[in-house]
PDB file of all heavy atoms in Angstrom:
ATOM      1  N   PHE A   1       0.716  37.151  77.092  1.00  0.00           N
ATOM      2  CA  PHE A   1      -0.117  36.009  76.690  1.00  0.00           C
ATOM      3  C   PHE A   1       0.770  34.759  76.503  1.00  0.00           C
ATOM      4  O   PHE A   1       0.444  33.690  76.910  1.00  0.00           O
ATOM      5  CB  PHE A   1      -0.808  36.347  75.412  1.00  0.00           C
ATOM      6  CG  PHE A   1      -1.697  35.226  74.858  1.00  0.00           C
ATOM      7  CD1 PHE A   1      -3.019  35.141  75.277  1.00  0.00           C
ATOM      8  CD2 PHE A   1      -1.240  34.300  73.982  1.00  0.00           C
ATOM      9  CE1 PHE A   1      -3.834  34.102  74.868  1.00  0.00           C
ATOM     10  CE2 PHE A   1      -1.995  33.262  73.541  1.00  0.00           C
ATOM     11  CZ  PHE A   1      -3.336  33.185  73.927  1.00  0.00           C
ATOM     12  N   MET A   2       1.911  34.957  75.822  1.00  0.00           N
ATOM     13  CA  MET A   2       2.786  33.771  75.543  1.00  0.00           C
ATOM     14  C   MET A   2       3.326  33.212  76.865  1.00  0.00           C
ATOM     15  O   MET A   2       3.458  31.961  76.953  1.00  0.00           O
ATOM     16  CB  MET A   2       3.885  34.196  74.613  1.00  0.00           C
ATOM     17  CG  MET A   2       3.397  34.492  73.182  1.00  0.00           C
ATOM     18  SD  MET A   2       4.734  35.001  72.025  1.00  0.00           S
ATOM     19  CE  MET A   2       5.528  33.409  71.808  1.00  0.00           C
ATOM     20  N   ASP A   3       3.674  34.054  77.780  1.00  0.00           N
ATOM     21  CA  ASP A   3       4.180  33.544  79.083  1.00  0.00           C
ATOM     22  C   ASP A   3       3.114  32.690  79.780  1.00  0.00           C
ATOM     23  O   ASP A   3       3.500  31.717  80.491  1.00  0.00           O
ATOM     24  CB  ASP A   3       4.591  34.760  79.972  1.00  0.00           C
ATOM     25  CG  ASP A   3       5.884  35.380  79.530  1.00  0.00           C
ATOM     26  OD1 ASP A   3       6.637  34.750  78.788  1.00  0.00           O
ATOM     27  OD2 ASP A   3       6.184  36.526  79.960  1.00  0.00           O
ATOM     28  N   LYS A   4       1.839  33.057  79.582  1.00  0.00           N
ATOM     29  CA  LYS A   4       0.795  32.250  80.234  1.00  0.00           C
ATOM     30  C   LYS A   4       0.393  31.065  79.443  1.00  0.00           C
ATOM     31  O   LYS A   4      -0.114  30.049  79.969  1.00  0.00           O
ATOM     32  CB  LYS A   4      -0.428  33.137  80.508  1.00  0.00           C
ATOM     33  CG  LYS A   4      -0.186  34.211  81.582  1.00  0.00           C
ATOM     34  CD  LYS A   4      -1.467  35.028  81.776  1.00  0.00           C
ATOM     35  CE  LYS A   4      -1.315  36.030  82.904  1.00  0.00           C
ATOM     36  NZ  LYS A   4      -2.516  36.839  83.105  1.00  0.00           N
ATOM     37  N   ALA A   5       0.572  31.132  78.091  1.00  0.00           N
ATOM     38  CA  ALA A   5       0.054  30.081  77.216  1.00  0.00           C
ATOM     39  C   ALA A   5       1.044  28.903  77.115  1.00  0.00           C
ATOM     40  O   ALA A   5       0.595  27.769  76.854  1.00  0.00           O
ATOM     41  CB  ALA A   5      -0.207  30.637  75.794  1.00  0.00           C
ATOM     42  N   TYR A   6       2.297  29.120  77.325  1.00  0.00           N
ATOM     43  CA  TYR A   6       3.341  28.059  77.129  1.00  0.00           C
ATOM     44  C   TYR A   6       3.919  27.679  78.456  1.00  0.00           C
ATOM     45  O   TYR A   6       4.048  28.483  79.399  1.00  0.00           O
ATOM     46  CB  TYR A   6       4.448  28.639  76.236  1.00  0.00           C
ATOM     47  CG  TYR A   6       4.100  28.731  74.786  1.00  0.00           C
ATOM     48  CD1 TYR A   6       3.481  29.868  74.316  1.00  0.00           C
ATOM     49  CD2 TYR A   6       4.421  27.722  73.865  1.00  0.00           C
ATOM     50  CE1 TYR A   6       3.132  30.002  72.984  1.00  0.00           C
ATOM     51  CE2 TYR A   6       4.060  27.808  72.540  1.00  0.00           C
ATOM     52  CZ  TYR A   6       3.444  28.976  72.085  1.00  0.00           C
ATOM     53  OH  TYR A   6       3.127  29.112  70.752  1.00  0.00           O
ATOM     54  N   CYS A   7       4.293  26.383  78.518  1.00  0.00           N
ATOM     55  CA  CYS A   7       5.123  25.954  79.670  1.00  0.00           C
ATOM     56  C   CYS A   7       6.508  26.624  79.580  1.00  0.00           C
ATOM     57  O   CYS A   7       7.051  27.045  80.584  1.00  0.00           O
ATOM     58  CB  CYS A   7       5.310  24.439  79.593  1.00  0.00           C
ATOM     59  SG  CYS A   7       4.353  23.547  80.820  1.00  0.00           S
ATOM     60  N   ARG A   8       7.043  26.645  78.349  1.00  0.00           N
ATOM     61  CA  ARG A   8       8.367  27.281  78.156  1.00  0.00           C
ATOM     62  C   ARG A   8       8.156  28.264  76.984  1.00  0.00           C
ATOM     63  O   ARG A   8       8.345  27.887  75.791  1.00  0.00           O
ATOM     64  CB  ARG A   8       9.413  26.209  77.789  1.00  0.00           C
ATOM     65  CG  ARG A   8       9.622  25.153  78.879  1.00  0.00           C
ATOM     66  CD  ARG A   8      10.475  24.025  78.364  1.00  0.00           C
ATOM     67  NE  ARG A   8       9.767  23.265  77.307  1.00  0.00           N
ATOM     68  CZ  ARG A   8       8.825  22.369  77.522  1.00  0.00           C
ATOM     69  NH1 ARG A   8       8.459  22.066  78.733  1.00  0.00           N
ATOM     70  NH2 ARG A   8       8.284  21.769  76.475  1.00  0.00           N
ATOM     71  N   ALA A   9       7.839  29.460  77.268  1.00  0.00           N
ATOM     72  CA  ALA A   9       7.537  30.452  76.263  1.00  0.00           C
ATOM     73  C   ALA A   9       8.774  30.772  75.470  1.00  0.00           C
ATOM     74  O   ALA A   9       9.838  31.016  76.071  1.00  0.00           O
ATOM     75  CB  ALA A   9       6.971  31.703  76.897  1.00  0.00           C
ATOM     76  N   PRO A  10       8.689  30.799  74.174  1.00  0.00           N
ATOM     77  CA  PRO A  10       9.875  31.192  73.369  1.00  0.00           C
ATOM     78  C   PRO A  10      10.251  32.660  73.641  1.00  0.00           C
ATOM     79  O   PRO A  10       9.382  33.481  73.771  1.00  0.00           O
ATOM     80  CB  PRO A  10       9.404  31.010  71.903  1.00  0.00           C
ATOM     81  CG  PRO A  10       7.913  31.021  71.964  1.00  0.00           C
ATOM     82  CD  PRO A  10       7.553  30.499  73.329  1.00  0.00           C
ATOM     83  N   LYS A  11      11.521  32.889  73.689  1.00  0.00           N
ATOM     84  CA  LYS A  11      12.015  34.253  73.919  1.00  0.00           C
ATOM     85  C   LYS A  11      12.203  34.945  72.618  1.00  0.00           C
ATOM     86  O   LYS A  11      13.220  34.854  71.950  1.00  0.00           O
ATOM     87  CB  LYS A  11      13.298  34.257  74.739  1.00  0.00           C
ATOM     88  CG  LYS A  11      13.233  33.484  76.062  1.00  0.00           C
ATOM     89  CD  LYS A  11      12.177  34.133  76.974  1.00  0.00           C
ATOM     90  CE  LYS A  11      12.045  33.373  78.320  1.00  0.00           C
ATOM     91  NZ  LYS A  11      10.954  33.916  79.182  1.00  0.00           N
ATOM     92  N   LEU A  12      11.196  35.702  72.167  1.00  0.00           N
ATOM     93  CA  LEU A  12      11.206  36.308  70.838  1.00  0.00           C
ATOM     94  C   LEU A  12      11.625  37.800  70.961  1.00  0.00           C
ATOM     95  O   LEU A  12      11.245  38.466  71.908  1.00  0.00           O
ATOM     96  CB  LEU A  12       9.856  36.221  70.195  1.00  0.00           C
ATOM     97  CG  LEU A  12       9.320  34.806  69.985  1.00  0.00           C
ATOM     98  CD1 LEU A  12       7.924  34.861  69.366  1.00  0.00           C
ATOM     99  CD2 LEU A  12      10.242  34.012  69.095  1.00  0.00           C
ATOM    100  N   PRO A  13      12.399  38.335  69.996  1.00  0.00           N
ATOM    101  CA  PRO A  13      12.784  39.744  70.033  1.00  0.00           C
ATOM    102  C   PRO A  13      11.561  40.632  69.761  1.00  0.00           C
ATOM    103  O   PRO A  13      10.531  40.182  69.240  1.00  0.00           O
ATOM    104  CB  PRO A  13      13.771  39.865  68.916  1.00  0.00           C
ATOM    105  CG  PRO A  13      13.569  38.662  68.044  1.00  0.00           C
ATOM    106  CD  PRO A  13      13.027  37.576  68.905  1.00  0.00           C
ATOM    107  N   GLU A  14      11.697  41.892  70.069  1.00  0.00           N
ATOM    108  CA  GLU A  14      10.562  42.811  70.071  1.00  0.00           C
ATOM    109  C   GLU A  14       9.982  42.952  68.682  1.00  0.00           C
ATOM    110  O   GLU A  14       8.732  43.025  68.488  1.00  0.00           O
ATOM    111  CB  GLU A  14      10.921  44.170  70.606  1.00  0.00           C
ATOM    112  CG  GLU A  14       9.759  45.082  70.669  1.00  0.00           C
ATOM    113  CD  GLU A  14      10.085  46.376  71.522  1.00  0.00           C
ATOM    114  OE1 GLU A  14      10.859  46.262  72.452  1.00  0.00           O
ATOM    115  OE2 GLU A  14       9.513  47.386  71.232  1.00  0.00           O
ATOM    116  N   HIS A  15      10.828  42.967  67.628  1.00  0.00           N
ATOM    117  CA  HIS A  15      10.291  43.203  66.274  1.00  0.00           C
ATOM    118  C   HIS A  15       9.401  42.033  65.818  1.00  0.00           C
ATOM    119  O   HIS A  15       8.464  42.220  65.082  1.00  0.00           O
ATOM    120  CB  HIS A  15      11.359  43.470  65.292  1.00  0.00           C
ATOM    121  CG  HIS A  15      12.159  42.302  64.835  1.00  0.00           C
ATOM    122  ND1 HIS A  15      13.104  41.665  65.610  1.00  0.00           N
ATOM    123  CD2 HIS A  15      12.074  41.560  63.681  1.00  0.00           C
ATOM    124  CE1 HIS A  15      13.604  40.646  64.920  1.00  0.00           C
ATOM    125  NE2 HIS A  15      13.007  40.535  63.750  1.00  0.00           N
ATOM    126  N   ILE A  16       9.695  40.852  66.275  1.00  0.00           N
ATOM    127  CA  ILE A  16       8.858  39.664  65.967  1.00  0.00           C
ATOM    128  C   ILE A  16       7.543  39.781  66.751  1.00  0.00           C
ATOM    129  O   ILE A  16       6.441  39.530  66.197  1.00  0.00           O
ATOM    130  CB  ILE A  16       9.590  38.339  66.264  1.00  0.00           C
ATOM    131  CG1 ILE A  16      10.756  38.169  65.288  1.00  0.00           C
ATOM    132  CG2 ILE A  16       8.614  37.179  66.098  1.00  0.00           C
ATOM    133  CD1 ILE A  16      11.558  36.942  65.510  1.00  0.00           C
ATOM    134  N   LEU A  17       7.613  40.106  68.011  1.00  0.00           N
ATOM    135  CA  LEU A  17       6.395  40.283  68.787  1.00  0.00           C
ATOM    136  C   LEU A  17       5.437  41.371  68.222  1.00  0.00           C
ATOM    137  O   LEU A  17       4.263  41.251  68.202  1.00  0.00           O
ATOM    138  CB  LEU A  17       6.769  40.576  70.234  1.00  0.00           C
ATOM    139  CG  LEU A  17       7.449  39.479  71.056  1.00  0.00           C
ATOM    140  CD1 LEU A  17       7.898  40.013  72.372  1.00  0.00           C
ATOM    141  CD2 LEU A  17       6.514  38.313  71.219  1.00  0.00           C
ATOM    142  N   ARG A  18       6.131  42.406  67.715  1.00  0.00           N
ATOM    143  CA  ARG A  18       5.358  43.517  67.102  1.00  0.00           C
ATOM    144  C   ARG A  18       4.579  43.035  65.896  1.00  0.00           C
ATOM    145  O   ARG A  18       3.394  43.346  65.701  1.00  0.00           O
ATOM    146  CB  ARG A  18       6.266  44.658  66.712  1.00  0.00           C
ATOM    147  CG  ARG A  18       5.566  45.944  66.289  1.00  0.00           C
ATOM    148  CD  ARG A  18       6.544  47.011  65.913  1.00  0.00           C
ATOM    149  NE  ARG A  18       7.497  47.232  67.006  1.00  0.00           N
ATOM    150  CZ  ARG A  18       8.801  47.054  66.858  1.00  0.00           C
ATOM    151  NH1 ARG A  18       9.332  46.567  65.704  1.00  0.00           N
ATOM    152  NH2 ARG A  18       9.637  47.287  67.843  1.00  0.00           N
ATOM    153  N   GLU A  19       5.216  42.199  65.080  1.00  0.00           N
ATOM    154  CA  GLU A  19       4.468  41.707  63.877  1.00  0.00           C
ATOM    155  C   GLU A  19       3.411  40.649  64.285  1.00  0.00           C
ATOM    156  O   GLU A  19       2.336  40.634  63.685  1.00  0.00           O
ATOM    157  CB  GLU A  19       5.452  41.085  62.844  1.00  0.00           C
ATOM    158  CG  GLU A  19       4.694  40.888  61.524  1.00  0.00           C
ATOM    159  CD  GLU A  19       5.464  40.133  60.490  1.00  0.00           C
ATOM    160  OE1 GLU A  19       6.594  39.736  60.713  1.00  0.00           O
ATOM    161  OE2 GLU A  19       4.918  39.888  59.392  1.00  0.00           O
ATOM    162  N   ILE A  20       3.684  39.854  65.273  1.00  0.00           N
ATOM    163  CA  ILE A  20       2.676  38.898  65.740  1.00  0.00           C
ATOM    164  C   ILE A  20       1.437  39.686  66.220  1.00  0.00           C
ATOM    165  O   ILE A  20       0.308  39.319  65.925  1.00  0.00           O
ATOM    166  CB  ILE A  20       3.227  38.021  66.862  1.00  0.00           C
ATOM    167  CG1 ILE A  20       4.253  37.060  66.307  1.00  0.00           C
ATOM    168  CG2 ILE A  20       2.107  37.252  67.553  1.00  0.00           C
ATOM    169  CD1 ILE A  20       5.008  36.266  67.368  1.00  0.00           C
ATOM    170  N   ALA A  21       1.698  40.795  66.945  1.00  0.00           N
ATOM    171  CA  ALA A  21       0.575  41.590  67.426  1.00  0.00           C
ATOM    172  C   ALA A  21      -0.201  42.149  66.247  1.00  0.00           C
ATOM    173  O   ALA A  21      -1.472  42.177  66.276  1.00  0.00           O
ATOM    174  CB  ALA A  21       1.076  42.735  68.328  1.00  0.00           C
ATOM    175  N   ALA A  22       0.507  42.583  65.228  1.00  0.00           N
ATOM    176  CA  ALA A  22      -0.186  43.142  64.038  1.00  0.00           C
ATOM    177  C   ALA A  22      -0.985  42.073  63.325  1.00  0.00           C
ATOM    178  O   ALA A  22      -2.101  42.350  62.815  1.00  0.00           O
ATOM    179  CB  ALA A  22       0.851  43.750  63.100  1.00  0.00           C
ATOM    180  N   ARG A  23      -0.488  40.885  63.242  1.00  0.00           N
ATOM    181  CA  ARG A  23      -1.183  39.746  62.580  1.00  0.00           C
ATOM    182  C   ARG A  23      -2.453  39.419  63.349  1.00  0.00           C
ATOM    183  O   ARG A  23      -3.532  39.212  62.748  1.00  0.00           O
ATOM    184  CB  ARG A  23      -0.283  38.489  62.514  1.00  0.00           C
ATOM    185  CG  ARG A  23       0.976  38.690  61.697  1.00  0.00           C
ATOM    186  CD  ARG A  23       0.700  38.689  60.207  1.00  0.00           C
ATOM    187  NE  ARG A  23       0.433  37.350  59.701  1.00  0.00           N
ATOM    188  CZ  ARG A  23       0.049  37.134  58.444  1.00  0.00           C
ATOM    189  NH1 ARG A  23      -0.240  38.110  57.664  1.00  0.00           N
ATOM    190  NH2 ARG A  23      -0.131  35.907  58.036  1.00  0.00           N
ATOM    191  N   ILE A  24      -2.382  39.424  64.683  1.00  0.00           N
ATOM    192  CA  ILE A  24      -3.558  39.113  65.479  1.00  0.00           C
ATOM    193  C   ILE A  24      -4.605  40.218  65.318  1.00  0.00           C
ATOM    194  O   ILE A  24      -5.792  39.972  65.122  1.00  0.00           O
ATOM    195  CB  ILE A  24      -3.165  38.949  66.985  1.00  0.00           C
ATOM    196  CG1 ILE A  24      -2.303  37.714  67.165  1.00  0.00           C
ATOM    197  CG2 ILE A  24      -4.426  38.852  67.892  1.00  0.00           C
ATOM    198  CD1 ILE A  24      -1.684  37.597  68.579  1.00  0.00           C
ATOM    199  N   ALA A  25      -4.135  41.457  65.318  1.00  0.00           N
ATOM    200  CA  ALA A  25      -5.047  42.600  65.185  1.00  0.00           C
ATOM    201  C   ALA A  25      -5.727  42.623  63.818  1.00  0.00           C
ATOM    202  O   ALA A  25      -6.862  43.137  63.680  1.00  0.00           O
ATOM    203  CB  ALA A  25      -4.301  43.916  65.429  1.00  0.00           C
ATOM    204  N   ALA A  26      -5.045  42.079  62.788  1.00  0.00           N
ATOM    205  CA  ALA A  26      -5.616  42.029  61.446  1.00  0.00           C
ATOM    206  C   ALA A  26      -6.718  40.989  61.332  1.00  0.00           C
ATOM    207  O   ALA A  26      -7.525  41.032  60.363  1.00  0.00           O
ATOM    208  CB  ALA A  26      -4.537  41.794  60.385  1.00  0.00           C
ATOM    209  N   ARG A  27      -6.758  40.071  62.267  1.00  0.00           N
ATOM    210  CA  ARG A  27      -7.809  39.055  62.236  1.00  0.00           C
ATOM    211  C   ARG A  27      -9.009  39.596  63.052  1.00  0.00           C
ATOM    212  O   ARG A  27      -8.843  40.550  63.766  1.00  0.00           O
ATOM    213  CB  ARG A  27      -7.250  37.724  62.837  1.00  0.00           C
ATOM    214  CG  ARG A  27      -6.208  37.109  61.965  1.00  0.00           C
ATOM    215  CD  ARG A  27      -5.371  36.060  62.623  1.00  0.00           C
ATOM    216  NE  ARG A  27      -4.421  35.503  61.678  1.00  0.00           N
ATOM    217  CZ  ARG A  27      -3.301  34.893  62.023  1.00  0.00           C
ATOM    218  NH1 ARG A  27      -2.986  34.695  63.290  1.00  0.00           N
ATOM    219  NH2 ARG A  27      -2.462  34.371  61.082  1.00  0.00           N
ATOM    220  N   PRO A  28     -10.162  38.937  62.998  1.00  0.00           N
ATOM    221  CA  PRO A  28     -11.355  39.524  63.558  1.00  0.00           C
ATOM    222  C   PRO A  28     -11.433  39.267  65.101  1.00  0.00           C
ATOM    223  O   PRO A  28     -12.495  38.917  65.622  1.00  0.00           O
ATOM    224  CB  PRO A  28     -12.485  38.837  62.826  1.00  0.00           C
ATOM    225  CG  PRO A  28     -11.937  37.485  62.501  1.00  0.00           C
ATOM    226  CD  PRO A  28     -10.484  37.712  62.171  1.00  0.00           C
ATOM    227  N   THR A  29     -10.296  39.443  65.802  1.00  0.00           N
ATOM    228  CA  THR A  29     -10.294  39.128  67.256  1.00  0.00           C
ATOM    229  C   THR A  29     -11.259  40.053  68.037  1.00  0.00           C
ATOM    230  O   THR A  29     -12.036  39.596  68.858  1.00  0.00           O
ATOM    231  CB  THR A  29      -8.884  39.267  67.798  1.00  0.00           C
ATOM    232  OG1 THR A  29      -8.315  40.528  67.385  1.00  0.00           O
ATOM    233  CG2 THR A  29      -7.978  38.158  67.279  1.00  0.00           C
ATOM    234  N   LYS A  30     -11.231  41.355  67.698  1.00  0.00           N
ATOM    235  CA  LYS A  30     -12.077  42.280  68.426  1.00  0.00           C
ATOM    236  C   LYS A  30     -13.574  42.029  68.080  1.00  0.00           C
ATOM    237  O   LYS A  30     -14.437  42.049  68.941  1.00  0.00           O
ATOM    238  CB  LYS A  30     -11.719  43.738  68.145  1.00  0.00           C
ATOM    239  CG  LYS A  30     -12.485  44.686  69.032  1.00  0.00           C
ATOM    240  CD  LYS A  30     -12.067  46.109  68.883  1.00  0.00           C
ATOM    241  CE  LYS A  30     -12.763  47.024  69.898  1.00  0.00           C
ATOM    242  NZ  LYS A  30     -14.245  46.870  69.928  1.00  0.00           N
ATOM    243  N   ALA A  31     -13.804  41.793  66.766  1.00  0.00           N
ATOM    244  CA  ALA A  31     -15.191  41.526  66.328  1.00  0.00           C
ATOM    245  C   ALA A  31     -15.769  40.285  67.061  1.00  0.00           C
ATOM    246  O   ALA A  31     -16.960  40.297  67.422  1.00  0.00           O
ATOM    247  CB  ALA A  31     -15.248  41.354  64.837  1.00  0.00           C
ATOM    248  N   ILE A  32     -14.945  39.310  67.285  1.00  0.00           N
ATOM    249  CA  ILE A  32     -15.382  38.081  67.948  1.00  0.00           C
ATOM    250  C   ILE A  32     -15.628  38.348  69.438  1.00  0.00           C
ATOM    251  O   ILE A  32     -16.634  37.977  70.021  1.00  0.00           O
ATOM    252  CB  ILE A  32     -14.370  36.932  67.786  1.00  0.00           C
ATOM    253  CG1 ILE A  32     -14.373  36.545  66.291  1.00  0.00           C
ATOM    254  CG2 ILE A  32     -14.757  35.743  68.639  1.00  0.00           C
ATOM    255  CD1 ILE A  32     -13.249  35.547  65.926  1.00  0.00           C
ATOM    256  N   THR A  33     -14.659  39.026  70.090  1.00  0.00           N
ATOM    257  CA  THR A  33     -14.819  39.275  71.505  1.00  0.00           C
ATOM    258  C   THR A  33     -16.009  40.213  71.789  1.00  0.00           C
ATOM    259  O   THR A  33     -16.643  40.033  72.796  1.00  0.00           O
ATOM    260  CB  THR A  33     -13.523  39.888  72.096  1.00  0.00           C
ATOM    261  OG1 THR A  33     -13.187  41.092  71.366  1.00  0.00           O
ATOM    262  CG2 THR A  33     -12.362  38.953  72.058  1.00  0.00           C
ATOM    263  N   ASP A  34     -16.326  41.073  70.839  1.00  0.00           N
ATOM    264  CA  ASP A  34     -17.509  41.954  70.976  1.00  0.00           C
ATOM    265  C   ASP A  34     -18.808  41.109  71.005  1.00  0.00           C
ATOM    266  O   ASP A  34     -19.803  41.566  71.578  1.00  0.00           O
ATOM    267  CB  ASP A  34     -17.577  42.936  69.845  1.00  0.00           C
ATOM    268  CG  ASP A  34     -16.561  44.124  70.034  1.00  0.00           C
ATOM    269  OD1 ASP A  34     -16.013  44.219  71.164  1.00  0.00           O
ATOM    270  OD2 ASP A  34     -16.343  44.837  69.063  1.00  0.00           O
ATOM    271  N   GLN A  35     -18.748  39.948  70.398  1.00  0.00           N
ATOM    272  CA  GLN A  35     -19.955  39.099  70.263  1.00  0.00           C
ATOM    273  C   GLN A  35     -20.003  38.019  71.391  1.00  0.00           C
ATOM    274  O   GLN A  35     -21.034  37.321  71.470  1.00  0.00           O
ATOM    275  CB  GLN A  35     -19.981  38.386  68.921  1.00  0.00           C
ATOM    276  CG  GLN A  35     -20.160  39.353  67.740  1.00  0.00           C
ATOM    277  CD  GLN A  35     -21.508  40.088  67.810  1.00  0.00           C
ATOM    278  OE1 GLN A  35     -22.542  39.526  68.130  1.00  0.00           O
ATOM    279  NE2 GLN A  35     -21.458  41.433  67.522  1.00  0.00           N
ATOM    280  N   LEU A  36     -18.989  37.898  72.192  1.00  0.00           N
ATOM    281  CA  LEU A  36     -18.981  36.882  73.242  1.00  0.00           C
ATOM    282  C   LEU A  36     -20.057  37.159  74.241  1.00  0.00           C
ATOM    283  O   LEU A  36     -20.248  38.280  74.676  1.00  0.00           O
ATOM    284  CB  LEU A  36     -17.624  36.843  73.931  1.00  0.00           C
ATOM    285  CG  LEU A  36     -16.453  36.310  73.078  1.00  0.00           C
ATOM    286  CD1 LEU A  36     -15.194  36.287  73.900  1.00  0.00           C
ATOM    287  CD2 LEU A  36     -16.680  34.991  72.476  1.00  0.00           C
ATOM    288  N   SER A  37     -20.807  36.150  74.577  1.00  0.00           N
ATOM    289  CA  SER A  37     -21.942  36.331  75.514  1.00  0.00           C
ATOM    290  C   SER A  37     -22.006  35.102  76.435  1.00  0.00           C
ATOM    291  O   SER A  37     -21.845  33.942  76.041  1.00  0.00           O
ATOM    292  CB  SER A  37     -23.211  36.446  74.718  1.00  0.00           C
ATOM    293  OG  SER A  37     -24.344  36.346  75.574  1.00  0.00           O
ATOM    294  N   LYS A  38     -22.296  35.435  77.738  1.00  0.00           N
ATOM    295  CA  LYS A  38     -22.501  34.297  78.693  1.00  0.00           C
ATOM    296  C   LYS A  38     -23.697  33.468  78.341  1.00  0.00           C
ATOM    297  O   LYS A  38     -23.817  32.338  78.765  1.00  0.00           O
ATOM    298  CB  LYS A  38     -22.615  34.889  80.090  1.00  0.00           C
ATOM    299  CG  LYS A  38     -21.279  35.411  80.610  1.00  0.00           C
ATOM    300  CD  LYS A  38     -21.275  35.626  82.142  1.00  0.00           C
ATOM    301  CE  LYS A  38     -19.883  35.992  82.616  1.00  0.00           C
ATOM    302  NZ  LYS A  38     -19.809  36.090  84.079  1.00  0.00           N
ATOM    303  N   LYS A  39     -24.633  34.030  77.533  1.00  0.00           N
ATOM    304  CA  LYS A  39     -25.797  33.247  77.123  1.00  0.00           C
ATOM    305  C   LYS A  39     -25.379  32.063  76.274  1.00  0.00           C
ATOM    306  O   LYS A  39     -26.130  31.080  76.120  1.00  0.00           O
ATOM    307  CB  LYS A  39     -26.736  34.112  76.346  1.00  0.00           C
ATOM    308  CG  LYS A  39     -27.389  35.218  77.138  1.00  0.00           C
ATOM    309  CD  LYS A  39     -28.374  36.050  76.324  1.00  0.00           C
ATOM    310  CE  LYS A  39     -29.009  37.130  77.150  1.00  0.00           C
ATOM    311  NZ  LYS A  39     -29.918  38.020  76.334  1.00  0.00           N
ATOM    312  N   GLU A  40     -24.189  32.134  75.636  1.00  0.00           N
ATOM    313  CA  GLU A  40     -23.713  31.028  74.786  1.00  0.00           C
ATOM    314  C   GLU A  40     -22.783  30.092  75.479  1.00  0.00           C
ATOM    315  O   GLU A  40     -22.184  29.193  74.882  1.00  0.00           O
ATOM    316  CB  GLU A  40     -23.052  31.605  73.512  1.00  0.00           C
ATOM    317  CG  GLU A  40     -24.069  32.273  72.624  1.00  0.00           C
ATOM    318  CD  GLU A  40     -23.509  32.523  71.225  1.00  0.00           C
ATOM    319  OE1 GLU A  40     -22.382  33.015  71.077  1.00  0.00           O
ATOM    320  OE2 GLU A  40     -24.265  32.198  70.257  1.00  0.00           O
ATOM    321  N   LEU A  41     -22.543  30.281  76.831  1.00  0.00           N
ATOM    322  CA  LEU A  41     -21.775  29.355  77.578  1.00  0.00           C
ATOM    323  C   LEU A  41     -22.406  27.946  77.527  1.00  0.00           C
ATOM    324  O   LEU A  41     -23.629  27.864  77.364  1.00  0.00           O
ATOM    325  CB  LEU A  41     -21.550  29.765  78.979  1.00  0.00           C
ATOM    326  CG  LEU A  41     -20.631  30.982  79.195  1.00  0.00           C
ATOM    327  CD1 LEU A  41     -20.640  31.416  80.680  1.00  0.00           C
ATOM    328  CD2 LEU A  41     -19.220  30.665  78.745  1.00  0.00           C
TER     329      LEU A  41
END
């Protein structure tokens, strides 16, 4: 995701990427994606 999101993606070590992943997972990302609908485009 970061490689695609940034022009110059920061080179982060694995333990930092692991915590970033955990932080994203703790937010309602899946609950939101489950509600995404083309009817709301």
